[in-house]
Amino acid sequence: MFKGLIGKKIGMTQIFDESGAAIPVTIIEAGPCYVTQVRAPESDGYSAVQLGFEEVKPKRLTGGTLGHLKRNNLPPLRFLREFRAKDLSVGEGDTVKVDQFVVGDHVDVTGTSKGRGFAGAVKRFGFRGGPKTHGQSDRLRAPGSHGSGTTPGRVWKGVKAPGHYGNTRVTAQNLEVALVDPERNLLGVRGAVPGSRGGLVLINEARKQ
């Protein structure tokens, strides 16, 4: 059975289990989502389900997107995202809701991490910095040498160095579902998920169960 949703991160809170232990959870407004397209190996070369989320005014969308949605008599939707799926148990025009998950399931949540601007190597990659003695005065948080000299005579691609930190696609894997509220379309997962409040997230059945 296909399990996947698009949602928005609401924020973090805590709930209590039967023994009274506090469980930190992230609340996500998940769905309802519409199945806008189903890709099959025979026609597209791979299996996937495209979902749409969050209704908007038609003037907010391009003509091509509106035409794509009208094929299945769907409302104007702001976000369209594709989920790889082996089991194509849904059809175009169907609605998928948060009740496809139950407490105890494990999910992968993908979002865009908070952007933190330009950062040094200590903050960005956890470098330990230079020695704090022997007369150094300005090397405490410096990255140090970037490599060899004449050979190769340049800096290799991918070397860890100061630069733009955050604002990248991140997946939190194997999070346990701790709360399901179908009436309010809310999903609570144990622990933190990437991004700021209000950020778009993709919820998938966990790959590493």
C-alpha atoms as a PDB file:
ATOM      1  CA  MET A   1       0.000   0.000   0.000  1.00  0.00           C
ATOM      2  CA  PHE A   2       1.270   3.479  -0.927  1.00  0.00           C
ATOM      3  CA  LYS A   3       2.036   5.634   2.129  1.00  0.00           C
ATOM      4  CA  GLY A   4       3.057   9.242   1.604  1.00  0.00           C
ATOM      5  CA  LEU A   5       1.871  12.768   2.378  1.00  0.00           C
ATOM      6  CA  ILE A   6       2.804  16.418   1.949  1.00  0.00           C
ATOM      7  CA  GLY A   7       2.470  18.595   5.032  1.00  0.00           C
ATOM      8  CA  LYS A   8       3.501  21.709   6.913  1.00  0.00           C
ATOM      9  CA  LYS A   9       5.519  21.779  10.110  1.00  0.00           C
ATOM     10  CA  ILE A  10       3.458  23.354  12.904  1.00  0.00           C
ATOM     11  CA  GLY A  11       6.000  23.150  15.742  1.00  0.00           C
ATOM     12  CA  MET A  12       7.123  21.031  18.686  1.00  0.00           C
ATOM     13  CA  THR A  13       5.355  20.047  21.885  1.00  0.00           C
ATOM     14  CA  GLN A  14       5.248  17.060  24.234  1.00  0.00           C
ATOM     15  CA  ILE A  15       2.781  14.304  24.997  1.00  0.00           C
ATOM     16  CA  PHE A  16       2.735  11.764  27.816  1.00  0.00           C
ATOM     17  CA  ASP A  17       2.566   7.974  27.521  1.00  0.00           C
ATOM     18  CA  GLU A  18       0.743   5.563  29.852  1.00  0.00           C
ATOM     19  CA  SER A  19       3.613   5.566  32.336  1.00  0.00           C
ATOM     20  CA  GLY A  20       3.702   9.366  32.502  1.00  0.00           C
ATOM     21  CA  ALA A  21       6.952   9.774  30.549  1.00  0.00           C
ATOM     22  CA  ALA A  22       7.155  12.925  28.396  1.00  0.00           C
ATOM     23  CA  ILE A  23       7.650  12.323  24.666  1.00  0.00           C
ATOM     24  CA  PRO A  24       8.924  15.241  22.522  1.00  0.00           C
ATOM     25  CA  VAL A  25       6.921  15.368  19.281  1.00  0.00           C
ATOM     26  CA  THR A  26       6.813  17.540  16.178  1.00  0.00           C
ATOM     27  CA  ILE A  27       3.281  18.319  14.996  1.00  0.00           C
ATOM     28  CA  ILE A  28       2.749  18.304  11.221  1.00  0.00           C
ATOM     29  CA  GLU A  29      -0.389  19.380   9.366  1.00  0.00           C
ATOM     30  CA  ALA A  30      -0.371  16.473   6.904  1.00  0.00           C
ATOM     31  CA  GLY A  31      -2.791  16.514   3.994  1.00  0.00           C
ATOM     32  CA  PRO A  32      -5.374  15.999   2.798  1.00  0.00           C
ATOM     33  CA  CYS A  33      -3.499  15.433  -0.445  1.00  0.00           C
ATOM     34  CA  TYR A  34      -4.864  14.704  -3.911  1.00  0.00           C
ATOM     35  CA  VAL A  35      -3.349  12.172  -6.309  1.00  0.00           C
ATOM     36  CA  THR A  36      -2.629  14.364  -9.349  1.00  0.00           C
ATOM     37  CA  GLN A  37      -0.724  11.798 -11.431  1.00  0.00           C
ATOM     38  CA  VAL A  38       0.377   8.169 -11.316  1.00  0.00           C
ATOM     39  CA  ARG A  39       3.524   7.154 -13.191  1.00  0.00           C
ATOM     40  CA  ALA A  40       3.804   3.520 -14.286  1.00  0.00           C
ATOM     41  CA  PRO A  41       6.838   1.628 -15.634  1.00  0.00           C
ATOM     42  CA  GLU A  42       5.061   0.877 -18.906  1.00  0.00           C
ATOM     43  CA  SER A  43       4.497   4.544 -19.798  1.00  0.00           C
ATOM     44  CA  ASP A  44       7.134   6.452 -17.794  1.00  0.00           C
ATOM     45  CA  GLY A  45       9.859   3.902 -17.055  1.00  0.00           C
ATOM     46  CA  TYR A  46       9.413   4.075 -13.279  1.00  0.00           C
ATOM     47  CA  SER A  47       6.733   3.889 -10.579  1.00  0.00           C
ATOM     48  CA  ALA A  48       5.720   7.024  -8.709  1.00  0.00           C
ATOM     49  CA  VAL A  49       2.740   8.912  -7.316  1.00  0.00           C
ATOM     50  CA  GLN A  50       2.419  12.698  -7.656  1.00  0.00           C
ATOM     51  CA  LEU A  51       0.520  14.395  -4.823  1.00  0.00           C
ATOM     52  CA  GLY A  52      -0.929  17.898  -4.579  1.00  0.00           C
ATOM     53  CA  PHE A  53      -1.378  19.897  -1.365  1.00  0.00           C
ATOM     54  CA  GLU A  54      -2.929  23.194  -0.205  1.00  0.00           C
ATOM     55  CA  GLU A  55      -5.702  24.767  -2.242  1.00  0.00           C
ATOM     56  CA  VAL A  56      -5.081  28.290  -3.599  1.00  0.00           C
ATOM     57  CA  LYS A  57      -6.769  30.798  -5.899  1.00  0.00           C
ATOM     58  CA  PRO A  58      -6.475  29.808  -9.592  1.00  0.00           C
ATOM     59  CA  LYS A  59      -4.675  33.068 -10.430  1.00  0.00           C
ATOM     60  CA  ARG A  60      -1.754  31.895  -8.270  1.00  0.00           C
ATOM     61  CA  LEU A  61      -0.939  29.064 -10.702  1.00  0.00           C
ATOM     62  CA  THR A  62       0.293  28.899 -14.271  1.00  0.00           C
ATOM     63  CA  GLY A  63      -1.976  27.770 -17.079  1.00  0.00           C
ATOM     64  CA  GLY A  64      -0.032  24.559 -17.517  1.00  0.00           C
ATOM     65  CA  THR A  65      -0.454  23.589 -13.874  1.00  0.00           C
ATOM     66  CA  LEU A  66      -4.176  24.405 -13.960  1.00  0.00           C
ATOM     67  CA  GLY A  67      -4.632  22.278 -17.067  1.00  0.00           C
ATOM     68  CA  HIS A  68      -2.708  19.423 -15.446  1.00  0.00           C
ATOM     69  CA  LEU A  69      -5.049  19.492 -12.440  1.00  0.00           C
ATOM     70  CA  LYS A  70      -8.252  19.891 -14.491  1.00  0.00           C
ATOM     71  CA  ARG A  71      -7.620  16.523 -16.169  1.00  0.00           C
ATOM     72  CA  ASN A  72      -8.907  14.874 -12.981  1.00  0.00           C
ATOM     73  CA  ASN A  73     -11.277  17.685 -11.898  1.00  0.00           C
ATOM     74  CA  LEU A  74      -8.980  18.665  -9.022  1.00  0.00           C
ATOM     75  CA  PRO A  75      -8.916  22.088  -7.299  1.00  0.00           C
ATOM     76  CA  PRO A  76      -5.972  24.500  -7.767  1.00  0.00           C
ATOM     77  CA  LEU A  77      -3.120  23.201  -5.587  1.00  0.00           C
ATOM     78  CA  ARG A  78      -0.023  25.137  -4.548  1.00  0.00           C
ATOM     79  CA  PHE A  79       2.408  22.241  -4.049  1.00  0.00           C
ATOM     80  CA  LEU A  80       2.965  19.235  -6.336  1.00  0.00           C
ATOM     81  CA  ARG A  81       5.520  16.623  -5.266  1.00  0.00           C
ATOM     82  CA  GLU A  82       6.376  13.158  -6.553  1.00  0.00           C
ATOM     83  CA  PHE A  83       6.884  10.079  -4.365  1.00  0.00           C
ATOM     84  CA  ARG A  84       8.606   6.942  -5.656  1.00  0.00           C
ATOM     85  CA  ALA A  85       6.374   3.948  -4.956  1.00  0.00           C
ATOM     86  CA  LYS A  86       6.491   0.278  -5.890  1.00  0.00           C
ATOM     87  CA  ASP A  87       2.854  -0.322  -4.944  1.00  0.00           C
ATOM     88  CA  LEU A  88       0.548   1.860  -7.054  1.00  0.00           C
ATOM     89  CA  SER A  89      -2.563   1.193  -4.977  1.00  0.00           C
ATOM     90  CA  VAL A  90      -4.051   4.663  -5.619  1.00  0.00           C
ATOM     91  CA  GLY A  91      -5.595   6.215  -8.709  1.00  0.00           C
ATOM     92  CA  GLU A  92      -5.570   9.702 -10.181  1.00  0.00           C
ATOM     93  CA  GLY A  93      -8.139  11.899  -8.456  1.00  0.00           C
ATOM     94  CA  ASP A  94      -8.019   9.959  -5.169  1.00  0.00           C
ATOM     95  CA  THR A  95      -7.567  11.705  -1.815  1.00  0.00           C
ATOM     96  CA  VAL A  96      -4.997  10.468   0.713  1.00  0.00           C
ATOM     97  CA  LYS A  97      -5.239  11.518   4.346  1.00  0.00           C
ATOM     98  CA  VAL A  98      -3.309  11.205   7.582  1.00  0.00           C
ATOM     99  CA  ASP A  99      -5.319   8.131   8.654  1.00  0.00           C
ATOM    100  CA  GLN A 100      -3.127   5.945   6.425  1.00  0.00           C
ATOM    101  CA  PHE A 101      -0.593   6.081   9.291  1.00  0.00           C
ATOM    102  CA  VAL A 102      -1.105   4.604  12.761  1.00  0.00           C
ATOM    103  CA  VAL A 103       0.707   5.172  16.066  1.00  0.00           C
ATOM    104  CA  GLY A 104       3.866   3.059  16.052  1.00  0.00           C
ATOM    105  CA  ASP A 105       4.600   3.413  12.328  1.00  0.00           C
ATOM    106  CA  HIS A 106       8.020   4.711  11.289  1.00  0.00           C
ATOM    107  CA  VAL A 107       8.410   7.480   8.705  1.00  0.00           C
ATOM    108  CA  ASP A 108      11.067   9.511   6.920  1.00  0.00           C
ATOM    109  CA  VAL A 109      10.425  13.271   6.944  1.00  0.00           C
ATOM    110  CA  THR A 110      12.133  15.466   4.335  1.00  0.00           C
ATOM    111  CA  GLY A 111      12.311  19.242   4.574  1.00  0.00           C
ATOM    112  CA  THR A 112      14.534  22.265   3.935  1.00  0.00           C
ATOM    113  CA  SER A 113      16.806  23.011   6.883  1.00  0.00           C
ATOM    114  CA  LYS A 114      16.965  26.478   8.419  1.00  0.00           C
ATOM    115  CA  GLY A 115      19.324  28.800   6.549  1.00  0.00           C
ATOM    116  CA  ARG A 116      22.113  30.131   8.781  1.00  0.00           C
ATOM    117  CA  GLY A 117      23.945  32.360   6.341  1.00  0.00           C
ATOM    118  CA  PHE A 118      27.724  32.410   5.904  1.00  0.00           C
ATOM    119  CA  ALA A 119      29.487  30.373   8.587  1.00  0.00           C
ATOM    120  CA  GLY A 120      33.052  29.347   9.353  1.00  0.00           C
ATOM    121  CA  ALA A 121      34.404  25.805   9.319  1.00  0.00           C
ATOM    122  CA  VAL A 122      34.101  25.416  13.107  1.00  0.00           C
ATOM    123  CA  LYS A 123      30.356  26.082  13.118  1.00  0.00           C
ATOM    124  CA  ARG A 124      29.638  24.537   9.703  1.00  0.00           C
ATOM    125  CA  PHE A 125      31.588  21.272   9.999  1.00  0.00           C
ATOM    126  CA  GLY A 126      32.675  21.041  13.632  1.00  0.00           C
ATOM    127  CA  PHE A 127      36.392  21.738  13.056  1.00  0.00           C
ATOM    128  CA  ARG A 128      38.312  22.040  16.338  1.00  0.00           C
ATOM    129  CA  GLY A 129      40.310  25.136  15.279  1.00  0.00           C
ATOM    130  CA  GLY A 130      43.988  25.857  15.821  1.00  0.00           C
ATOM    131  CA  PRO A 131      46.114  25.442  18.970  1.00  0.00           C
ATOM    132  CA  LYS A 132      45.266  27.729  21.849  1.00  0.00           C
ATOM    133  CA  THR A 133      48.913  28.284  22.796  1.00  0.00           C
ATOM    134  CA  HIS A 134      52.421  28.716  21.268  1.00  0.00           C
ATOM    135  CA  GLY A 135      51.797  32.348  20.483  1.00  0.00           C
ATOM    136  CA  GLN A 136      48.870  32.021  18.117  1.00  0.00           C
ATOM    137  CA  SER A 137      46.522  34.993  18.251  1.00  0.00           C
ATOM    138  CA  ASP A 138      44.366  34.784  15.118  1.00  0.00           C
ATOM    139  CA  ARG A 139      44.203  31.046  14.219  1.00  0.00           C
ATOM    140  CA  LEU A 140      41.766  29.871  16.899  1.00  0.00           C
ATOM    141  CA  ARG A 141      38.821  29.249  14.556  1.00  0.00           C
ATOM    142  CA  ALA A 142      40.728  29.049  11.276  1.00  0.00           C
ATOM    143  CA  PRO A 143      40.291  25.954   9.041  1.00  0.00           C
ATOM    144  CA  GLY A 144      44.045  25.396   8.604  1.00  0.00           C
ATOM    145  CA  SER A 145      45.770  24.001   5.509  1.00  0.00           C
ATOM    146  CA  HIS A 146      43.648  23.145   2.462  1.00  0.00           C
ATOM    147  CA  GLY A 147      46.015  20.606   0.957  1.00  0.00           C
ATOM    148  CA  SER A 148      49.336  20.042  -0.738  1.00  0.00           C
ATOM    149  CA  GLY A 149      51.522  22.432  -2.760  1.00  0.00           C
ATOM    150  CA  THR A 150      52.850  21.898  -6.269  1.00  0.00           C
ATOM    151  CA  THR A 151      50.850  18.694  -6.731  1.00  0.00           C
ATOM    152  CA  PRO A 152      47.997  19.124  -7.466  1.00  0.00           C
ATOM    153  CA  GLY A 153      48.632  22.873  -7.239  1.00  0.00           C
ATOM    154  CA  ARG A 154      44.993  23.635  -6.509  1.00  0.00           C
ATOM    155  CA  VAL A 155      42.263  22.943  -3.953  1.00  0.00           C
ATOM    156  CA  TRP A 156      40.232  19.794  -4.531  1.00  0.00           C
ATOM    157  CA  LYS A 157      36.517  20.134  -5.145  1.00  0.00           C
ATOM    158  CA  GLY A 158      34.380  19.424  -2.076  1.00  0.00           C
ATOM    159  CA  VAL A 159      36.955  20.512   0.516  1.00  0.00           C
ATOM    160  CA  LYS A 160      35.229  21.522   3.756  1.00  0.00           C
ATOM    161  CA  ALA A 161      35.604  25.277   4.137  1.00  0.00           C
ATOM    162  CA  PRO A 162      33.636  28.351   5.245  1.00  0.00           C
ATOM    163  CA  GLY A 163      30.489  28.998   3.219  1.00  0.00           C
ATOM    164  CA  HIS A 164      26.696  29.016   3.123  1.00  0.00           C
ATOM    165  CA  TYR A 165      25.394  26.916   6.018  1.00  0.00           C
ATOM    166  CA  GLY A 166      21.928  25.361   6.001  1.00  0.00           C
ATOM    167  CA  ASN A 167      19.006  25.926   3.587  1.00  0.00           C
ATOM    168  CA  THR A 168      19.485  22.452   2.094  1.00  0.00           C
ATOM    169  CA  ARG A 169      17.249  19.416   1.648  1.00  0.00           C
ATOM    170  CA  VAL A 170      17.509  17.188   4.746  1.00  0.00           C
ATOM    171  CA  THR A 171      15.769  13.928   5.650  1.00  0.00           C
ATOM    172  CA  ALA A 172      15.167  12.801   9.237  1.00  0.00           C
ATOM    173  CA  GLN A 173      14.937   9.019   9.011  1.00  0.00           C
ATOM    174  CA  ASN A 174      12.984   6.384  10.901  1.00  0.00           C
ATOM    175  CA  LEU A 175      10.933   8.683  13.134  1.00  0.00           C
ATOM    176  CA  GLU A 176       8.194   7.009  15.164  1.00  0.00           C
ATOM    177  CA  VAL A 177       4.609   8.181  14.726  1.00  0.00           C
ATOM    178  CA  ALA A 178       3.361   9.135  18.205  1.00  0.00           C
ATOM    179  CA  LEU A 179       0.081  10.883  17.379  1.00  0.00           C
ATOM    180  CA  VAL A 180      -2.542  10.662  14.605  1.00  0.00           C
ATOM    181  CA  ASP A 181      -5.509  13.078  14.560  1.00  0.00           C
ATOM    182  CA  PRO A 182      -7.597  12.488  11.381  1.00  0.00           C
ATOM    183  CA  GLU A 183     -10.208  15.094  12.329  1.00  0.00           C
ATOM    184  CA  ARG A 184      -7.668  17.932  12.313  1.00  0.00           C
ATOM    185  CA  ASN A 185      -5.259  16.352   9.762  1.00  0.00           C
ATOM    186  CA  LEU A 186      -2.441  16.328  12.324  1.00  0.00           C
ATOM    187  CA  LEU A 187       0.473  13.912  12.588  1.00  0.00           C
ATOM    188  CA  GLY A 188       2.875  13.857  15.539  1.00  0.00           C
ATOM    189  CA  VAL A 189       6.315  12.274  15.100  1.00  0.00           C
ATOM    190  CA  ARG A 190       8.788  11.613  17.882  1.00  0.00           C
ATOM    191  CA  GLY A 191      11.742  13.996  17.752  1.00  0.00           C
ATOM    192  CA  ALA A 192      12.650  16.926  15.499  1.00  0.00           C
ATOM    193  CA  VAL A 193      12.159  17.353  11.761  1.00  0.00           C
ATOM    194  CA  PRO A 194      14.072  19.695   9.407  1.00  0.00           C
ATOM    195  CA  GLY A 195      13.029  23.273   8.774  1.00  0.00           C
ATOM    196  CA  SER A 196      11.311  26.171  10.466  1.00  0.00           C
ATOM    197  CA  ARG A 197       7.681  26.471  11.530  1.00  0.00           C
ATOM    198  CA  GLY A 198       5.432  26.604   8.480  1.00  0.00           C
ATOM    199  CA  GLY A 199       7.975  24.854   6.281  1.00  0.00           C
ATOM    200  CA  LEU A 200       6.910  22.262   3.717  1.00  0.00           C
ATOM    201  CA  VAL A 201       7.751  18.637   4.564  1.00  0.00           C
ATOM    202  CA  LEU A 202       7.363  15.327   2.732  1.00  0.00           C
ATOM    203  CA  ILE A 203       6.357  12.275   4.771  1.00  0.00           C
ATOM    204  CA  ASN A 204       7.306   8.827   3.476  1.00  0.00           C
ATOM    205  CA  GLU A 205       7.127   5.322   4.847  1.00  0.00           C
ATOM    206  CA  ALA A 206      10.544   4.673   6.457  1.00  0.00           C
ATOM    207  CA  ARG A 207      13.065   2.874   4.232  1.00  0.00           C
ATOM    208  CA  LYS A 208      15.233   1.583   7.100  1.00  0.00           C
ATOM    209  CA  GLN A 209      12.740  -0.241   9.260  1.00  0.00           C
END
